[in-house]
Amino acid sequence: MSGYLHLTAPHAAFELLTGAQALTEYRFNRGAARHLFCRYCGSKSFYQPRSHPDCFSVNLRCVGGGAQQRASVQPFDGQRWEASAKTLLSG
């Protein structure tokens, strides 16, 4: 388990302030998701999920300003990924 807490943000609402030069990416399976992580420490702060092609998934643990304390976390069944992703899109 990585501890990644997904915060979905539309592309227009996302701005990477620093560190773009340290990012590297990998793609697997269908190649639709663009997984970005720090080439030096391995942290995955955000990525382009296949379930939300118009948004980034941002790791809430990498967002400052008390964002973790203000967020509500919803459970997600990763063993039934396809069905669970549809519930995210519908609500």
N, C-alpha and C. Protein backbone atom coordinates (compact mmCIF):
# COMPACT_ATOMS: atom_id res chain seq x y z
N MET A 1 0.84 -1.18 0.00
CA MET A 1 0.00 0.00 0.00
C MET A 1 0.88 1.25 0.00
N SER A 2 0.57 2.17 -0.86
CA SER A 2 1.44 3.35 -1.02
C SER A 2 1.07 4.52 -0.12
N GLY A 3 -0.15 4.55 0.38
CA GLY A 3 -0.59 5.68 1.17
C GLY A 3 -1.06 6.86 0.34
N TYR A 4 -1.18 6.67 -0.96
CA TYR A 4 -1.61 7.72 -1.87
C TYR A 4 -3.08 8.06 -1.60
N LEU A 5 -3.36 9.33 -1.36
CA LEU A 5 -4.74 9.80 -1.17
C LEU A 5 -5.12 10.63 -2.39
N HIS A 6 -6.02 10.10 -3.21
CA HIS A 6 -6.38 10.72 -4.49
C HIS A 6 -7.26 11.96 -4.30
N LEU A 7 -6.84 13.04 -4.90
CA LEU A 7 -7.62 14.27 -4.99
C LEU A 7 -7.70 14.60 -6.47
N THR A 8 -8.89 14.47 -7.04
CA THR A 8 -9.04 14.69 -8.48
C THR A 8 -9.19 16.18 -8.77
N ALA A 9 -8.36 16.67 -9.67
CA ALA A 9 -8.37 18.09 -10.03
C ALA A 9 -8.42 18.24 -11.54
N PRO A 10 -9.36 19.03 -12.07
CA PRO A 10 -9.38 19.28 -13.51
C PRO A 10 -8.06 19.88 -13.98
N HIS A 11 -7.65 19.56 -15.19
CA HIS A 11 -6.39 20.08 -15.72
C HIS A 11 -6.28 21.59 -15.57
N ALA A 12 -7.36 22.31 -15.83
CA ALA A 12 -7.34 23.78 -15.75
C ALA A 12 -7.12 24.30 -14.34
N ALA A 13 -7.42 23.48 -13.33
CA ALA A 13 -7.27 23.91 -11.94
C ALA A 13 -5.94 23.47 -11.33
N PHE A 14 -5.10 22.81 -12.11
CA PHE A 14 -3.84 22.27 -11.60
C PHE A 14 -2.67 23.07 -12.14
N GLU A 15 -1.74 23.42 -11.26
CA GLU A 15 -0.51 24.08 -11.68
C GLU A 15 0.64 23.50 -10.86
N LEU A 16 1.60 22.92 -11.53
CA LEU A 16 2.80 22.41 -10.88
C LEU A 16 3.76 23.59 -10.71
N LEU A 17 4.05 23.94 -9.48
CA LEU A 17 4.85 25.13 -9.21
C LEU A 17 6.35 24.89 -9.37
N THR A 18 6.84 23.75 -8.94
CA THR A 18 8.26 23.44 -9.04
C THR A 18 8.45 21.95 -9.27
N GLY A 19 9.62 21.59 -9.73
CA GLY A 19 10.00 20.19 -9.80
C GLY A 19 9.70 19.45 -11.09
N ALA A 20 9.21 20.12 -12.12
CA ALA A 20 8.87 19.43 -13.36
C ALA A 20 10.09 18.71 -13.95
N GLN A 21 11.27 19.27 -13.80
CA GLN A 21 12.48 18.67 -14.35
C GLN A 21 12.85 17.37 -13.64
N ALA A 22 12.33 17.13 -12.45
CA ALA A 22 12.64 15.92 -11.70
C ALA A 22 11.66 14.78 -11.98
N LEU A 23 10.62 15.05 -12.77
CA LEU A 23 9.60 14.04 -13.03
C LEU A 23 10.03 13.06 -14.12
N THR A 24 9.65 11.83 -13.92
CA THR A 24 9.78 10.81 -14.96
C THR A 24 8.45 10.08 -14.99
N GLU A 25 8.18 9.32 -16.04
CA GLU A 25 6.89 8.68 -16.15
C GLU A 25 7.01 7.23 -16.58
N TYR A 26 5.96 6.48 -16.29
CA TYR A 26 5.83 5.14 -16.85
C TYR A 26 4.37 4.90 -17.20
N ARG A 27 4.16 4.03 -18.15
CA ARG A 27 2.83 3.62 -18.58
C ARG A 27 2.83 2.10 -18.64
N PHE A 28 1.70 1.51 -18.34
CA PHE A 28 1.61 0.05 -18.43
C PHE A 28 0.22 -0.34 -18.91
N ASN A 29 0.05 -1.61 -19.19
CA ASN A 29 -1.22 -2.18 -19.65
C ASN A 29 -1.71 -1.42 -20.88
N ARG A 30 -2.80 -0.70 -20.78
CA ARG A 30 -3.38 0.01 -21.92
C ARG A 30 -2.62 1.28 -22.30
N GLY A 31 -1.77 1.77 -21.43
CA GLY A 31 -1.00 2.98 -21.70
C GLY A 31 -1.79 4.26 -21.56
N ALA A 32 -3.04 4.15 -21.08
CA ALA A 32 -3.90 5.33 -20.97
C ALA A 32 -3.54 6.21 -19.78
N ALA A 33 -3.08 5.60 -18.71
CA ALA A 33 -2.70 6.38 -17.53
C ALA A 33 -1.24 6.80 -17.66
N ARG A 34 -0.97 8.03 -17.27
CA ARG A 34 0.40 8.57 -17.30
C ARG A 34 0.86 8.73 -15.86
N HIS A 35 1.66 7.78 -15.39
CA HIS A 35 2.13 7.78 -14.01
C HIS A 35 3.41 8.60 -13.91
N LEU A 36 3.37 9.65 -13.12
CA LEU A 36 4.52 10.54 -12.95
C LEU A 36 5.07 10.40 -11.53
N PHE A 37 6.37 10.37 -11.42
CA PHE A 37 6.99 10.29 -10.10
C PHE A 37 8.35 10.95 -10.12
N CYS A 38 8.87 11.27 -8.94
CA CYS A 38 10.16 11.93 -8.81
C CYS A 38 11.27 10.93 -9.12
N ARG A 39 12.13 11.29 -10.06
CA ARG A 39 13.21 10.38 -10.46
C ARG A 39 14.26 10.22 -9.36
N TYR A 40 14.25 11.08 -8.35
CA TYR A 40 15.26 11.02 -7.29
C TYR A 40 14.78 10.26 -6.06
N CYS A 41 13.56 10.54 -5.61
CA CYS A 41 13.09 9.90 -4.37
C CYS A 41 11.96 8.89 -4.60
N GLY A 42 11.37 8.88 -5.80
CA GLY A 42 10.32 7.93 -6.11
C GLY A 42 8.92 8.35 -5.71
N SER A 43 8.76 9.54 -5.13
CA SER A 43 7.44 10.00 -4.70
C SER A 43 6.53 10.20 -5.91
N LYS A 44 5.29 9.78 -5.74
CA LYS A 44 4.28 9.96 -6.78
C LYS A 44 3.32 11.03 -6.27
N SER A 45 3.51 12.26 -6.73
CA SER A 45 2.71 13.37 -6.22
C SER A 45 1.44 13.60 -7.04
N PHE A 46 1.46 13.23 -8.33
CA PHE A 46 0.25 13.35 -9.16
C PHE A 46 0.44 12.49 -10.41
N TYR A 47 -0.68 12.18 -11.06
CA TYR A 47 -0.62 11.43 -12.32
C TYR A 47 -1.90 11.64 -13.11
N GLN A 48 -1.87 11.21 -14.36
CA GLN A 48 -3.03 11.29 -15.25
C GLN A 48 -3.72 9.93 -15.24
N PRO A 49 -4.86 9.79 -14.54
CA PRO A 49 -5.53 8.49 -14.48
C PRO A 49 -6.34 8.20 -15.75
N ARG A 50 -6.49 6.94 -16.05
CA ARG A 50 -7.32 6.58 -17.21
C ARG A 50 -8.80 6.75 -16.90
N SER A 51 -9.17 6.73 -15.63
CA SER A 51 -10.58 6.86 -15.25
C SER A 51 -11.10 8.29 -15.39
N HIS A 52 -10.21 9.27 -15.36
CA HIS A 52 -10.58 10.69 -15.45
C HIS A 52 -9.64 11.38 -16.44
N PRO A 53 -9.87 11.22 -17.75
CA PRO A 53 -8.93 11.76 -18.73
C PRO A 53 -8.84 13.28 -18.76
N ASP A 54 -9.79 13.97 -18.14
CA ASP A 54 -9.77 15.43 -18.12
C ASP A 54 -9.25 15.99 -16.79
N CYS A 55 -8.74 15.11 -15.93
CA CYS A 55 -8.28 15.52 -14.60
C CYS A 55 -6.93 14.88 -14.28
N PHE A 56 -6.25 15.46 -13.31
CA PHE A 56 -5.10 14.82 -12.69
C PHE A 56 -5.55 14.25 -11.36
N SER A 57 -4.93 13.18 -10.93
CA SER A 57 -5.11 12.68 -9.57
C SER A 57 -3.90 13.17 -8.79
N VAL A 58 -4.15 13.99 -7.80
CA VAL A 58 -3.09 14.58 -7.00
C VAL A 58 -3.04 13.85 -5.66
N ASN A 59 -1.85 13.53 -5.19
CA ASN A 59 -1.71 12.89 -3.89
C ASN A 59 -1.94 13.95 -2.81
N LEU A 60 -3.04 13.84 -2.11
CA LEU A 60 -3.39 14.82 -1.08
C LEU A 60 -2.28 14.99 -0.05
N ARG A 61 -1.50 13.94 0.16
CA ARG A 61 -0.39 14.02 1.13
C ARG A 61 0.72 14.97 0.64
N CYS A 62 0.69 15.34 -0.63
CA CYS A 62 1.70 16.25 -1.19
C CYS A 62 1.19 17.67 -1.32
N VAL A 63 -0.01 17.94 -0.83
CA VAL A 63 -0.61 19.27 -0.91
C VAL A 63 -0.49 19.93 0.46
N GLY A 64 0.01 21.15 0.49
CA GLY A 64 0.19 21.87 1.74
C GLY A 64 -1.03 22.67 2.13
N GLY A 65 -0.86 23.54 3.09
CA GLY A 65 -1.92 24.46 3.48
C GLY A 65 -3.06 23.83 4.27
N GLY A 66 -2.82 22.69 4.91
CA GLY A 66 -3.86 22.07 5.72
C GLY A 66 -4.92 21.33 4.91
N ALA A 67 -4.63 21.02 3.65
CA ALA A 67 -5.62 20.37 2.78
C ALA A 67 -6.07 19.02 3.33
N GLN A 68 -5.18 18.26 3.94
CA GLN A 68 -5.55 16.94 4.47
C GLN A 68 -6.60 17.06 5.57
N GLN A 69 -6.51 18.09 6.37
CA GLN A 69 -7.45 18.26 7.47
C GLN A 69 -8.83 18.69 6.97
N ARG A 70 -8.90 19.33 5.82
CA ARG A 70 -10.17 19.83 5.29
C ARG A 70 -10.87 18.84 4.35
N ALA A 71 -10.18 17.80 3.94
CA ALA A 71 -10.72 16.86 2.94
C ALA A 71 -11.52 15.75 3.61
N SER A 72 -12.48 15.22 2.87
CA SER A 72 -13.17 14.01 3.32
C SER A 72 -12.75 12.88 2.41
N VAL A 73 -12.36 11.76 2.99
CA VAL A 73 -11.85 10.62 2.25
C VAL A 73 -12.97 9.61 2.05
N GLN A 74 -13.17 9.16 0.80
CA GLN A 74 -14.18 8.16 0.48
C GLN A 74 -13.49 6.85 0.17
N PRO A 75 -13.98 5.74 0.74
CA PRO A 75 -13.35 4.44 0.47
C PRO A 75 -13.49 4.05 -1.01
N PHE A 76 -12.54 3.28 -1.50
CA PHE A 76 -12.53 2.82 -2.89
C PHE A 76 -12.11 1.36 -2.91
N ASP A 77 -12.88 0.50 -3.57
CA ASP A 77 -12.60 -0.93 -3.64
C ASP A 77 -11.66 -1.20 -4.80
N GLY A 78 -10.38 -1.27 -4.52
CA GLY A 78 -9.38 -1.49 -5.56
C GLY A 78 -9.39 -2.88 -6.15
N GLN A 79 -9.93 -3.86 -5.44
CA GLN A 79 -10.02 -5.21 -5.99
C GLN A 79 -11.07 -5.28 -7.10
N ARG A 80 -12.03 -4.39 -7.08
CA ARG A 80 -13.07 -4.32 -8.11
C ARG A 80 -12.96 -2.95 -8.79
N TRP A 81 -11.77 -2.69 -9.34
CA TRP A 81 -11.42 -1.37 -9.84
C TRP A 81 -12.41 -0.83 -10.86
N GLU A 82 -12.75 -1.61 -11.88
CA GLU A 82 -13.63 -1.12 -12.95
C GLU A 82 -14.99 -0.66 -12.40
N ALA A 83 -15.61 -1.47 -11.57
CA ALA A 83 -16.91 -1.13 -10.99
C ALA A 83 -16.78 0.08 -10.05
N SER A 84 -15.71 0.12 -9.28
CA SER A 84 -15.51 1.23 -8.35
C SER A 84 -15.26 2.54 -9.09
N ALA A 85 -14.51 2.48 -10.19
CA ALA A 85 -14.24 3.70 -10.97
C ALA A 85 -15.53 4.28 -11.53
N LYS A 86 -16.47 3.43 -11.91
CA LYS A 86 -17.75 3.92 -12.43
C LYS A 86 -18.51 4.70 -11.36
N THR A 87 -18.40 4.30 -10.10
CA THR A 87 -19.08 5.04 -9.04
C THR A 87 -18.47 6.42 -8.86
N LEU A 88 -17.16 6.55 -9.10
CA LEU A 88 -16.51 7.86 -9.01
C LEU A 88 -17.03 8.79 -10.11
N LEU A 89 -17.17 8.24 -11.31
CA LEU A 89 -17.62 9.05 -12.44
C LEU A 89 -19.07 9.49 -12.29
N SER A 90 -19.87 8.67 -11.60
CA SER A 90 -21.29 9.01 -11.46
C SER A 90 -21.57 9.92 -10.29
N GLY A 91 -20.63 10.08 -9.40
CA GLY A 91 -20.97 10.89 -8.25
C GLY A 91 -19.86 11.62 -7.65
